[in-house]
């Protein structure tokens, strides 16, 4: 009887040990999005980001499980500008950007990190944007927040799950992209960075998928983060070494067109494509009612 009890005790210890290891592995592998990109775009008829503006204060509200706030590092891009100062006040969650030169295309891009790398279901909302002099220009802008993961997968490429949500005047989305060895099958997805919807139009644009290093015919499939924003036909298709490129039509549904035009707003969708030979790619498309001003 004592011998049987000993084996039972060992079995219980082994079971508990594996359970704890399983929990630890799950915690490590469930890391989520830790990088944010805020894109500010002048609405049609507005010039708030253009000269003589040379500084912005951006108030954000980070949220989600295990998100402690925004990290100190941040970068800024604006066509025609040179960054002079970037600062993050972690107490008030205010990002300050100062630059020289003049933004020529009405667009500013700010990229930074969320605190703690293993974030789960994070979100980030821009609540206020002020230009130099303290003028509130939030209502003059289309604000898009893109969340992504900087965690590399075991294959050496960056990866993350994709999701999209919208809150108030800020659109939040996530996407991933990675590099693939030139000897492995790969697929490249091409789409316009921005598509402007118009009332009474068909509101259709083209997507192109091109495969490389395909050795046989494979099945591929699209997945859209928000099918109320973009619908693609066909959703499933074949690619082969001889026919490795195909073009598809993507449509913005009329109900979404009316909503965007009525709110004078923008939204973003991530389109993923994956094939049975493990080739995959993704692209973000900004759907807006107001075109970004040309340079």
Protein backbone atom coordinates (compact mmCIF):
# COMPACT_ATOMS: atom_id res chain seq x y z
CA UNK A 1 0.00 0.00 0.00
CA UNK A 2 2.85 2.39 0.85
CA UNK A 3 4.45 1.68 -2.55
CA UNK A 4 1.22 2.55 -4.35
CA UNK A 5 0.91 5.79 -2.37
CA UNK A 6 4.48 6.72 -3.34
CA UNK A 7 3.70 6.34 -7.05
CA UNK A 8 0.50 8.35 -6.65
CA UNK A 9 2.45 11.13 -4.93
CA UNK A 10 5.04 11.17 -7.73
CA UNK A 11 2.25 11.28 -10.34
CA UNK A 12 0.60 14.23 -8.58
CA UNK A 13 3.93 16.13 -8.39
CA UNK A 14 4.64 15.53 -12.08
CA UNK A 15 1.11 16.64 -13.05
CA UNK A 16 1.39 19.86 -11.02
CA UNK A 17 4.85 20.59 -12.45
CA UNK A 18 3.64 20.24 -16.04
CA UNK A 19 0.59 22.34 -15.27
CA UNK A 20 2.76 25.15 -13.90
CA UNK A 21 5.08 24.95 -16.88
CA UNK A 22 2.08 25.05 -19.19
CA UNK A 23 0.80 28.18 -17.48
CA UNK A 24 4.22 29.81 -17.74
CA UNK A 25 4.51 29.05 -21.46
CA UNK A 26 1.00 30.40 -22.06
CA UNK A 27 1.88 33.62 -20.30
CA UNK A 28 4.99 34.11 -22.41
CA UNK A 29 3.34 33.22 -25.70
CA UNK A 30 0.31 35.45 -25.15
CA UNK A 31 2.31 38.65 -25.58
CA UNK A 32 0.29 41.18 -27.55
CA UNK A 33 0.70 44.57 -29.12
CA UNK A 34 3.39 46.79 -27.63
CA UNK A 35 3.94 49.40 -30.37
CA UNK A 36 1.61 52.23 -31.35
CA UNK A 37 1.59 54.46 -34.42
CA UNK A 38 -0.57 57.58 -34.35
CA UNK A 39 -1.35 59.10 -37.76
CA UNK A 40 -2.82 62.60 -37.78
CA UNK A 41 -4.31 63.82 -41.07
CA UNK A 42 -5.87 67.18 -41.85
CA UNK A 43 -9.55 66.88 -42.64
CA UNK A 44 -10.65 68.27 -45.99
CA UNK A 45 -10.49 72.06 -45.94
CA UNK A 46 -8.38 72.13 -42.75
CA UNK A 47 -4.68 73.10 -42.55
CA UNK A 48 -4.00 72.75 -38.83
CA UNK A 49 -0.88 70.58 -39.29
CA UNK A 50 0.66 72.79 -41.93
CA UNK A 51 2.90 75.82 -41.47
CA UNK A 52 3.22 77.81 -39.27
CA UNK A 53 2.50 74.91 -36.88
CA UNK A 54 5.77 73.56 -35.45
CA UNK A 55 4.73 71.74 -32.24
CA UNK A 56 2.02 69.39 -30.99
CA UNK A 57 0.83 68.15 -27.62
CA UNK A 58 -1.01 64.83 -28.01
CA UNK A 59 -3.02 63.58 -25.04
CA UNK A 60 -3.60 59.81 -25.10
CA UNK A 61 -5.49 57.30 -22.96
CA UNK A 62 -3.83 53.84 -22.94
CA UNK A 63 -5.87 50.90 -21.72
CA UNK A 64 -6.14 47.13 -21.72
CA UNK A 65 -4.95 44.36 -19.43
CA UNK A 66 -1.31 44.75 -18.26
CA UNK A 67 -0.91 48.15 -19.98
CA UNK A 68 0.85 50.45 -17.51
CA UNK A 69 0.98 53.44 -19.85
CA UNK A 70 3.15 54.76 -22.67
CA UNK A 71 6.92 54.42 -22.69
CA UNK A 72 9.38 57.30 -22.87
CA UNK A 73 10.70 56.70 -26.40
CA UNK A 74 8.79 58.23 -29.31
CA UNK A 75 9.57 59.19 -32.92
CA UNK A 76 8.02 61.68 -35.34
CA UNK A 77 7.70 61.85 -39.13
CA UNK A 78 6.34 64.73 -41.18
CA UNK A 79 7.12 65.41 -44.83
CA UNK A 80 9.35 68.48 -45.07
CA UNK A 81 10.22 68.56 -41.36
CA UNK A 82 13.17 67.82 -39.08
CA UNK A 83 12.32 66.66 -35.53
CA UNK A 84 13.85 68.90 -32.85
CA UNK A 85 12.34 67.46 -29.67
CA UNK A 86 10.18 64.51 -28.68
CA UNK A 87 9.00 63.97 -25.12
CA UNK A 88 6.57 61.77 -23.23
CA UNK A 89 5.08 62.74 -19.88
CA UNK A 90 4.23 59.32 -18.43
CA UNK A 91 2.26 60.91 -15.59
CA UNK A 92 -0.18 62.83 -17.78
CA UNK A 93 0.18 60.62 -20.93
CA UNK A 94 1.01 63.64 -23.08
CA UNK A 95 3.31 63.31 -26.10
CA UNK A 96 5.10 66.51 -27.12
CA UNK A 97 6.59 66.93 -30.60
CA UNK A 98 8.59 69.94 -31.83
CA UNK A 99 10.03 70.26 -35.34
CA UNK A 100 11.55 72.67 -37.81
CA UNK A 101 10.38 73.11 -41.38
CA UNK A 102 6.80 72.90 -42.63
CA UNK A 103 4.59 69.82 -42.98
CA UNK A 104 3.71 69.84 -46.66
CA UNK A 105 1.16 67.03 -46.97
CA UNK A 106 -1.06 67.58 -43.93
CA UNK A 107 0.05 64.37 -42.23
CA UNK A 108 2.04 63.65 -39.04
CA UNK A 109 3.10 60.18 -37.84
CA UNK A 110 4.10 59.46 -34.24
CA UNK A 111 5.43 56.05 -33.16
CA UNK A 112 6.15 54.80 -29.64
CA UNK A 113 5.87 51.92 -27.20
CA UNK A 114 3.35 50.82 -24.59
CA UNK A 115 4.89 50.05 -21.21
CA UNK A 116 5.34 46.33 -20.48
CA UNK A 117 6.00 44.05 -23.45
CA UNK A 118 3.41 41.37 -22.63
CA UNK A 119 0.28 43.42 -23.15
CA UNK A 120 -3.05 41.67 -23.60
CA UNK A 121 -5.85 43.28 -25.64
CA UNK A 122 -4.42 46.80 -25.36
CA UNK A 123 -6.01 49.92 -26.75
CA UNK A 124 -4.93 53.51 -27.17
CA UNK A 125 -7.18 56.51 -27.72
CA UNK A 126 -6.13 60.03 -28.66
CA UNK A 127 -8.31 62.34 -26.58
CA UNK A 128 -6.87 65.73 -27.48
CA UNK A 129 -4.40 67.34 -29.89
CA UNK A 130 -3.10 70.87 -29.31
CA UNK A 131 -0.83 72.89 -31.63
CA UNK A 132 1.68 75.49 -30.50
CA UNK A 133 -0.05 78.23 -28.59
CA UNK A 134 -2.34 75.69 -26.89
CA UNK A 135 -4.99 75.71 -29.65
CA UNK A 136 -7.18 72.58 -29.65
CA UNK A 137 -7.19 71.12 -33.20
CA UNK A 138 -8.64 67.67 -32.40
CA UNK A 139 -11.76 68.33 -34.47
CA UNK A 140 -9.68 69.36 -37.50
CA UNK A 141 -8.00 65.96 -37.77
CA UNK A 142 -8.65 62.41 -38.80
CA UNK A 143 -6.86 60.39 -36.10
CA UNK A 144 -5.77 56.81 -36.75
CA UNK A 145 -4.03 54.65 -34.13
CA UNK A 146 -2.30 51.49 -35.32
CA UNK A 147 -1.19 48.86 -32.76
CA UNK A 148 1.35 46.18 -33.61
CA UNK A 149 3.70 43.68 -32.00
CA UNK A 150 7.48 43.94 -32.06
CA UNK A 151 7.86 40.38 -30.70
CA UNK A 152 9.63 38.09 -33.15
CA UNK A 153 8.24 34.60 -33.68
CA UNK A 154 10.40 31.46 -33.72
CA UNK A 155 10.63 31.63 -37.53
CA UNK A 156 12.35 35.00 -37.25
CA UNK A 157 9.53 37.13 -38.60
CA UNK A 158 7.43 39.64 -36.72
CA UNK A 159 3.92 38.39 -36.03
CA UNK A 160 0.73 39.39 -34.30
CA UNK A 161 -3.00 38.83 -34.35
CA UNK A 162 -5.06 41.50 -36.09
CA UNK A 163 -8.02 43.42 -34.76
CA UNK A 164 -9.73 46.72 -35.35
CA UNK A 165 -11.94 48.97 -33.27
CA UNK A 166 -13.14 52.53 -33.31
CA UNK A 167 -13.83 54.87 -30.42
CA UNK A 168 -14.94 58.47 -30.78
CA UNK A 169 -12.80 60.30 -33.31
CA UNK A 170 -9.93 57.86 -33.03
CA UNK A 171 -9.64 54.69 -35.07
CA UNK A 172 -7.54 51.92 -33.53
CA UNK A 173 -6.25 49.00 -35.49
CA UNK A 174 -3.39 46.54 -35.50
CA UNK A 175 -1.32 44.84 -38.11
CA UNK A 176 1.82 42.80 -38.55
CA UNK A 177 4.46 42.25 -41.17
CA UNK A 178 7.59 40.15 -41.36
CA UNK A 179 10.52 39.22 -43.55
CA UNK A 180 10.77 35.79 -45.16
CA UNK A 181 13.85 33.99 -46.46
CA UNK A 182 14.22 34.36 -50.24
CA UNK A 183 14.25 30.56 -50.59
CA UNK A 184 10.88 30.11 -48.91
CA UNK A 185 7.45 30.62 -50.48
CA UNK A 186 6.20 34.16 -49.97
CA UNK A 187 3.28 36.30 -51.03
CA UNK A 188 3.09 40.07 -51.41
CA UNK A 189 -0.19 41.91 -51.02
CA UNK A 190 -0.54 45.32 -52.69
CA UNK A 191 -3.31 47.85 -52.02
CA UNK A 192 -3.72 51.62 -51.92
CA UNK A 193 -2.58 53.17 -48.64
CA UNK A 194 -5.66 55.40 -48.70
CA UNK A 195 -9.03 55.09 -50.42
CA UNK A 196 -11.43 58.03 -50.51
CA UNK A 197 -15.12 57.09 -50.57
CA UNK A 198 -17.58 59.14 -52.60
CA UNK A 199 -21.35 59.43 -52.44
CA UNK A 200 -23.07 57.77 -55.39
CA UNK A 201 -19.89 55.93 -56.44
CA UNK A 202 -19.29 52.18 -56.55
CA UNK A 203 -16.41 52.66 -54.04
CA UNK A 204 -14.38 49.75 -55.33
CA UNK A 205 -10.59 49.49 -55.37
CA UNK A 206 -8.11 46.80 -56.42
CA UNK A 207 -5.96 44.42 -54.39
CA UNK A 208 -3.14 42.40 -55.94
CA UNK A 209 -1.59 39.22 -54.55
CA UNK A 210 1.72 37.98 -55.98
CA UNK A 211 3.36 34.72 -54.95
CA UNK A 212 7.07 33.87 -55.14
CA UNK A 213 8.94 30.55 -54.89
CA UNK A 214 5.71 28.56 -55.20
CA UNK A 215 6.50 24.96 -56.20
CA UNK A 216 2.90 23.76 -56.54
CA UNK A 217 -0.68 24.99 -56.62
CA UNK A 218 -1.80 26.19 -53.19
CA UNK A 219 -4.97 27.53 -51.65
CA UNK A 220 -4.94 31.09 -50.28
CA UNK A 221 -7.51 33.06 -48.32
CA UNK A 222 -8.15 36.67 -47.36
CA UNK A 223 -9.15 37.78 -43.89
CA UNK A 224 -10.29 41.34 -43.18
CA UNK A 225 -10.15 42.82 -39.70
CA UNK A 226 -13.48 44.61 -40.26
CA UNK A 227 -15.75 43.22 -42.99
CA UNK A 228 -18.21 46.06 -42.45
CA UNK A 229 -15.49 48.34 -43.86
CA UNK A 230 -14.05 46.24 -46.70
CA UNK A 231 -15.47 43.21 -48.53
CA UNK A 232 -13.33 41.22 -50.96
CA UNK A 233 -14.45 38.80 -53.67
CA UNK A 234 -13.44 36.05 -53.97
CA UNK A 235 -12.24 35.48 -50.43
CA UNK A 236 -10.51 32.18 -51.37
CA UNK A 237 -8.32 31.58 -54.42
CA UNK A 238 -5.52 29.46 -55.89
CA UNK A 239 -1.97 30.42 -56.83
CA UNK A 240 0.53 28.29 -58.74
CA UNK A 241 4.06 28.63 -60.13
CA UNK A 242 2.62 29.44 -63.57
CA UNK A 243 -0.16 31.74 -62.33
CA UNK A 244 1.32 33.41 -59.29
CA UNK A 245 -0.39 36.81 -59.53
CA UNK A 246 -4.07 37.69 -59.17
CA UNK A 247 -6.04 40.92 -58.85
CA UNK A 248 -9.16 41.28 -56.70
CA UNK A 249 -11.87 43.85 -56.15
CA UNK A 250 -12.51 45.26 -52.68
CA UNK A 251 -15.71 47.20 -51.97
CA UNK A 252 -16.64 49.59 -49.20
CA UNK A 253 -20.33 48.85 -48.34
CA UNK A 254 -22.77 51.72 -48.91
CA UNK A 255 -23.82 51.86 -45.25
CA UNK A 256 -20.18 52.47 -44.26
CA UNK A 257 -19.75 55.05 -47.01
CA UNK A 258 -22.74 57.02 -45.68
CA UNK A 259 -21.37 56.81 -42.12
CA UNK A 260 -17.89 58.05 -43.07
CA UNK A 261 -19.24 60.92 -45.17
CA UNK A 262 -21.77 61.92 -42.50
CA UNK A 263 -19.10 61.97 -39.75
CA UNK A 264 -16.35 63.34 -42.03
CA UNK A 265 -14.15 60.61 -40.59
CA UNK A 266 -11.64 57.90 -41.48
CA UNK A 267 -11.28 54.26 -40.52
CA UNK A 268 -8.63 51.62 -41.11
CA UNK A 269 -8.82 47.94 -42.02
CA UNK A 270 -6.10 45.31 -42.09
CA UNK A 271 -6.27 42.81 -44.94
CA UNK A 272 -4.42 39.53 -44.33
CA UNK A 273 -3.69 36.84 -46.88
CA UNK A 274 -2.44 33.37 -45.98
CA UNK A 275 -1.73 30.28 -48.07
CA UNK A 276 -1.46 26.58 -47.30
CA UNK A 277 2.32 26.69 -47.94
CA UNK A 278 2.66 29.12 -44.98
CA UNK A 279 3.16 32.18 -47.19
CA UNK A 280 1.38 35.21 -45.74
CA UNK A 281 1.28 38.99 -45.82
CA UNK A 282 -0.89 41.86 -44.60
CA UNK A 283 -1.60 45.45 -45.56
CA UNK A 284 -3.42 48.36 -43.92
CA UNK A 285 -5.85 50.49 -45.92
CA UNK A 286 -7.14 53.82 -44.65
CA UNK A 287 -10.75 54.38 -45.74
CA UNK A 288 -11.61 58.06 -45.52
CA UNK A 289 -14.18 60.60 -46.67
CA UNK A 290 -11.53 63.34 -47.00
CA UNK A 291 -8.38 62.89 -49.11
CA UNK A 292 -5.01 63.73 -47.61
CA UNK A 293 -3.91 67.07 -49.11
CA UNK A 294 -1.29 66.67 -51.83
CA UNK A 295 2.16 68.17 -51.44
